[in-house]
Amino acid sequence: MSEVETSRDVVRLSIDRGLLRGLGVALGGGVLLALTEAFGMSGTSLLFRLAYWLPLMLMGALWGHVCSLLVERHVDMDRRPLLAVVALTLVMSGPLVVLVWALTSWFFDGDRSVDLARLPAFIGPVLVVTATISALNVFLARTPVQTHAAAPGAKPARFIDRLPFKLRGAAIRAVSSEDHYLRIHTDRGSDLILMRLSDALTELEGLEGAQTHRSWWVARDAVRDVSRGDGRATLTLEGGIEAPVSRRYARALRDAGWY
């Protein structure tokens, strides 16, 4: 596959697993808030509450996804999940307070004028909802993506077609993120391709393995040893490659019999 073709694949519209999870949590939260008549909405119909909460929560989830990408650059969510929740809440809340203030005025009052005096009243409720949703997303992400070996006669993993020419036919041992690139580790060496790990995890289905860290996927049959230090585990793979195991995924991988 040429570099141009690879670049086109990267920039195509793709569905990110983290975004899907966030949208799902937001929809569930919106339905819950509507059903419980939260924040003094007992005098309105269920349809009205759903029409208010669902778009608001979905817009918040989209904004939250953007914020999470920014926060992940500065906060290690694996080692400091509580700090990540606080950072996400603070980064997200400012614009969301303005959004909720504007949408609430339009929904309840039909008021398109600017009444800044009402703005501070929305800070507390927005902080509560944002902190709850942020915590759910950070801690729900503790289940690693696992891929499975292809059934007999089934098509092989699509990711195999992305191997550079010099690695065609090689056994994939691991895939790791390096900035905007992925390094493919094989029994014939390694090379870089332009792709996101979130997209690669989908295409790796057909090879048995799992995400061991936010920036690593490892083939299960490549694992040769495990070591522990500083409260974290490291997998040693065939060929001497060392792959980190994040605290967020450690228990799930241990329960699955990886080590």
Protein backbone atom coordinates (compact mmCIF):
# COMPACT_ATOMS: atom_id res chain seq x y z
CA MET A 1 0.00 0.00 0.00
CA SER A 2 1.44 3.38 -1.01
CA GLU A 3 2.06 6.27 1.39
CA VAL A 4 -0.60 8.30 -0.44
CA GLU A 5 -3.18 5.55 0.00
CA THR A 6 -2.29 5.25 3.68
CA SER A 7 -2.66 9.01 4.20
CA ARG A 8 -6.08 8.93 2.55
CA ASP A 9 -7.16 6.16 4.90
CA VAL A 10 -6.01 8.19 7.90
CA VAL A 11 -7.90 11.35 6.97
CA ARG A 12 -11.11 9.52 6.05
CA LEU A 13 -14.06 9.88 8.40
CA SER A 14 -13.67 7.18 11.03
CA ILE A 15 -15.53 6.20 14.20
CA ASP A 16 -13.39 6.37 17.30
CA ARG A 17 -14.08 3.86 20.05
CA GLY A 18 -13.58 6.48 22.76
CA LEU A 19 -16.02 8.83 21.07
CA LEU A 20 -18.63 6.08 20.75
CA ARG A 21 -18.25 5.24 24.42
CA GLY A 22 -18.60 8.91 25.36
CA LEU A 23 -21.72 9.34 23.23
CA GLY A 24 -23.24 6.24 24.78
CA VAL A 25 -22.59 7.47 28.30
CA ALA A 26 -24.00 10.90 27.37
CA LEU A 27 -27.19 9.41 25.94
CA GLY A 28 -27.67 7.24 29.02
CA GLY A 29 -27.07 10.23 31.27
CA GLY A 30 -29.52 12.35 29.28
CA VAL A 31 -32.26 9.74 29.56
CA LEU A 32 -31.60 9.37 33.31
CA LEU A 33 -31.76 13.14 33.89
CA ALA A 34 -35.00 13.33 31.91
CA LEU A 35 -36.63 10.43 33.75
CA THR A 36 -35.66 11.74 37.19
CA GLU A 37 -36.86 15.28 36.42
CA ALA A 38 -33.48 16.57 37.52
CA PHE A 39 -32.73 20.22 38.34
CA GLY A 40 -36.33 21.29 38.94
CA MET A 41 -37.89 20.07 35.68
CA SER A 42 -40.83 18.31 37.33
CA GLY A 43 -43.31 20.69 35.73
CA THR A 44 -42.45 19.66 32.16
CA SER A 45 -43.37 16.67 30.03
CA LEU A 46 -41.01 13.72 29.46
CA LEU A 47 -40.82 14.57 25.75
CA PHE A 48 -39.81 18.13 26.56
CA ARG A 49 -37.14 16.92 29.00
CA LEU A 50 -35.71 14.46 26.47
CA ALA A 51 -35.65 17.16 23.78
CA TYR A 52 -33.68 19.36 26.19
CA TRP A 53 -31.27 16.86 27.73
CA LEU A 54 -30.33 14.57 24.82
CA PRO A 55 -28.98 17.23 22.42
CA LEU A 56 -27.31 19.01 25.32
CA MET A 57 -25.59 15.84 26.53
CA LEU A 58 -24.51 14.85 23.01
CA MET A 59 -22.98 18.28 22.39
CA GLY A 60 -21.25 17.99 25.73
CA ALA A 61 -19.89 14.54 24.78
CA LEU A 62 -18.45 15.86 21.51
CA TRP A 63 -16.80 18.74 23.35
CA GLY A 64 -15.63 16.33 26.03
CA HIS A 65 -13.98 14.10 23.42
CA VAL A 66 -11.99 17.06 22.11
CA CYS A 67 -11.02 18.01 25.67
CA SER A 68 -9.94 14.46 26.50
CA LEU A 69 -7.54 14.47 23.55
CA LEU A 70 -6.00 17.68 24.93
CA VAL A 71 -5.87 16.48 28.56
CA GLU A 72 -4.24 13.15 27.60
CA ARG A 73 -1.23 15.08 26.32
CA HIS A 74 -0.51 16.46 29.78
CA VAL A 75 -2.05 14.01 32.27
CA ASP A 76 -1.30 10.28 32.45
CA MET A 77 -4.80 8.86 32.77
CA ASP A 78 -3.40 5.43 33.59
CA ARG A 79 -1.47 6.58 36.66
CA ARG A 80 -3.60 9.55 37.74
CA PRO A 81 -7.24 8.90 36.83
CA LEU A 82 -8.61 11.23 39.53
CA LEU A 83 -6.41 14.08 38.32
CA ALA A 84 -7.64 13.35 34.79
CA VAL A 85 -11.26 13.63 35.96
CA VAL A 86 -10.55 16.99 37.66
CA ALA A 87 -8.67 18.32 34.62
CA LEU A 88 -11.42 17.22 32.23
CA THR A 89 -14.10 18.79 34.42
CA LEU A 90 -12.31 22.15 34.59
CA VAL A 91 -11.43 22.29 30.89
CA MET A 92 -14.91 21.29 29.76
CA SER A 93 -17.03 23.31 32.15
CA GLY A 94 -16.39 26.89 30.99
CA PRO A 95 -17.82 26.57 27.47
CA LEU A 96 -20.51 24.18 28.70
CA VAL A 97 -21.77 26.70 31.26
CA VAL A 98 -22.31 29.20 28.44
CA LEU A 99 -23.98 26.54 26.27
CA VAL A 100 -26.36 25.42 29.02
CA TRP A 101 -27.19 29.00 29.94
CA ALA A 102 -28.04 29.86 26.33
CA LEU A 103 -29.99 26.66 25.62
CA THR A 104 -31.95 26.86 28.87
CA SER A 105 -32.96 30.46 28.20
CA TRP A 106 -34.16 29.49 24.75
CA PHE A 107 -36.02 26.36 25.87
CA PHE A 108 -37.75 27.67 28.96
CA ASP A 109 -38.14 31.38 28.34
CA GLY A 110 -37.94 31.74 24.59
CA ASP A 111 -35.55 34.51 25.57
CA ARG A 112 -32.95 35.36 22.93
CA SER A 113 -31.66 38.36 24.82
CA VAL A 114 -28.43 38.34 26.81
CA ASP A 115 -29.01 38.10 30.55
CA LEU A 116 -25.56 37.62 32.06
CA ALA A 117 -26.92 37.90 35.59
CA ARG A 118 -28.33 34.35 35.26
CA LEU A 119 -25.05 32.83 34.06
CA PRO A 120 -23.46 32.08 37.48
CA ALA A 121 -26.49 30.00 38.50
CA PHE A 122 -25.51 27.35 35.95
CA ILE A 123 -21.93 26.84 37.17
CA GLY A 124 -22.77 24.41 40.00
CA PRO A 125 -25.11 22.09 38.04
CA VAL A 126 -22.76 21.99 35.06
CA LEU A 127 -19.80 21.09 37.30
CA VAL A 128 -21.77 18.25 38.91
CA VAL A 129 -22.91 16.71 35.61
CA THR A 130 -19.55 17.23 33.89
CA ALA A 131 -17.60 15.67 36.76
CA THR A 132 -19.92 12.64 36.81
CA ILE A 133 -19.71 12.05 33.05
CA SER A 134 -15.92 12.59 33.09
CA ALA A 135 -15.48 10.05 35.87
CA LEU A 136 -17.63 7.48 34.05
CA ASN A 137 -15.64 7.87 30.84
CA VAL A 138 -12.22 7.73 32.53
CA PHE A 139 -13.02 4.66 34.62
CA LEU A 140 -15.06 2.84 31.96
CA ALA A 141 -11.97 3.02 29.74
CA ARG A 142 -10.23 0.56 32.05
CA THR A 143 -11.34 -2.41 29.91
CA PRO A 144 -8.75 -3.03 27.19
CA VAL A 145 -9.75 -3.66 23.60
CA GLN A 146 -9.14 -7.33 22.86
CA THR A 147 -8.90 -8.82 19.39
CA HIS A 148 -9.54 -12.43 18.49
CA ALA A 149 -8.01 -14.97 16.14
CA ALA A 150 -9.87 -15.42 12.87
CA ALA A 151 -12.13 -18.45 12.62
CA PRO A 152 -11.10 -21.19 10.17
CA GLY A 153 -11.86 -20.08 6.64
CA ALA A 154 -12.52 -16.48 7.69
CA LYS A 155 -10.74 -13.53 6.14
CA PRO A 156 -7.46 -12.54 7.83
CA ALA A 157 -7.12 -9.29 9.77
CA ARG A 158 -7.40 -6.26 7.50
CA PHE A 159 -4.40 -4.70 9.22
CA ILE A 160 -2.11 -7.22 7.52
CA ASP A 161 -2.66 -5.37 4.23
CA ARG A 162 -1.08 -2.27 5.76
CA LEU A 163 2.30 -3.91 6.29
CA PRO A 164 5.01 -2.11 4.28
CA PHE A 165 6.40 -4.11 1.36
CA LYS A 166 9.54 -5.17 3.21
CA LEU A 167 7.43 -6.67 6.03
CA ARG A 168 4.87 -8.50 3.89
CA GLY A 169 4.32 -12.00 5.22
CA ALA A 170 5.90 -11.20 8.62
CA ALA A 171 4.31 -12.16 11.93
CA ILE A 172 3.05 -9.10 13.81
CA ARG A 173 4.24 -9.05 17.42
CA ALA A 174 3.06 -5.62 18.52
CA VAL A 175 1.85 -2.22 17.34
CA SER A 176 2.81 0.96 19.19
CA SER A 177 2.02 4.66 18.76
CA GLU A 178 4.72 7.19 17.97
CA ASP A 179 3.19 10.66 17.58
CA HIS A 180 0.88 10.42 14.54
CA TYR A 181 2.45 7.16 13.39
CA LEU A 182 2.28 3.51 14.35
CA ARG A 183 5.35 1.33 14.64
CA ILE A 184 4.65 -2.24 13.57
CA HIS A 185 6.93 -4.71 15.35
CA THR A 186 7.35 -8.01 13.49
CA ASP A 187 9.68 -11.01 13.33
CA ARG A 188 11.40 -9.30 10.39
CA GLY A 189 11.99 -5.94 12.03
CA SER A 190 9.81 -2.86 12.38
CA ASP A 191 8.56 0.06 10.33
CA LEU A 192 6.27 3.07 10.63
CA ILE A 193 2.91 3.74 8.99
CA LEU A 194 0.66 6.79 9.25
CA MET A 195 -2.38 5.69 11.24
CA ARG A 196 -4.11 6.03 14.60
CA LEU A 197 -4.08 3.16 17.09
CA SER A 198 -7.84 3.48 17.60
CA ASP A 199 -8.35 2.70 13.91
CA ALA A 200 -5.74 -0.07 13.92
CA LEU A 201 -7.48 -1.86 16.81
CA THR A 202 -10.52 -2.37 14.62
CA GLU A 203 -8.46 -3.74 11.73
CA LEU A 204 -6.42 -6.03 14.02
CA GLU A 205 -9.52 -8.14 14.66
CA GLY A 206 -8.54 -11.56 13.29
CA LEU A 207 -5.28 -11.61 15.25
CA GLU A 208 -5.38 -12.68 18.89
CA GLY A 209 -4.12 -9.87 21.09
CA ALA A 210 -5.05 -6.96 23.30
CA GLN A 211 -4.39 -3.33 24.03
CA THR A 212 -1.97 -3.36 26.97
CA HIS A 213 -1.52 0.40 27.17
CA ARG A 214 -3.19 3.38 25.54
CA SER A 215 -0.37 3.37 22.97
CA TRP A 216 0.29 -0.40 22.60
CA TRP A 217 -1.39 -3.48 21.12
CA VAL A 218 0.36 -6.82 21.66
CA ALA A 219 -0.10 -10.20 19.98
CA ARG A 220 -0.79 -12.79 22.64
CA ASP A 221 1.47 -15.49 21.19
CA ALA A 222 4.42 -13.06 21.16
CA VAL A 223 4.56 -12.74 24.97
CA ARG A 224 7.55 -14.51 26.52
CA ASP A 225 7.86 -13.00 30.00
CA VAL A 226 6.41 -10.44 32.39
CA SER A 227 8.21 -8.29 34.92
CA ARG A 228 6.92 -5.89 37.56
CA GLY A 229 8.42 -2.71 38.91
CA ASP A 230 7.19 0.60 40.32
CA GLY A 231 3.73 -0.94 40.59
CA ARG A 232 3.51 -1.58 36.84
CA ALA A 233 4.00 -4.61 34.62
CA THR A 234 6.06 -4.90 31.45
CA LEU A 235 5.64 -7.65 28.88
CA THR A 236 8.76 -8.96 27.18
CA LEU A 237 7.94 -10.15 23.69
CA GLU A 238 9.73 -12.44 21.31
CA GLY A 239 12.68 -10.56 19.88
CA GLY A 240 13.27 -8.62 23.11
CA ILE A 241 10.54 -6.02 22.58
CA GLU A 242 9.23 -4.58 25.86
CA ALA A 243 5.59 -3.52 25.97
CA PRO A 244 4.17 -1.61 28.97
CA VAL A 245 1.00 -2.69 30.76
CA SER A 246 -0.92 0.26 32.13
CA ARG A 247 -2.48 0.11 35.57
CA ARG A 248 -5.84 0.77 33.96
CA TYR A 249 -5.63 -2.50 31.97
CA ALA A 250 -3.56 -4.66 34.33
CA ARG A 251 -6.38 -6.37 36.19
CA ALA A 252 -8.40 -7.20 33.05
CA LEU A 253 -5.35 -8.68 31.33
CA ARG A 254 -4.41 -10.67 34.43
CA ASP A 255 -7.96 -12.03 34.68
CA ALA A 256 -7.76 -13.01 31.01
CA GLY A 257 -4.66 -15.08 31.75
CA TRP A 258 -2.07 -12.93 30.03
CA TYR A 259 0.23 -13.18 33.04
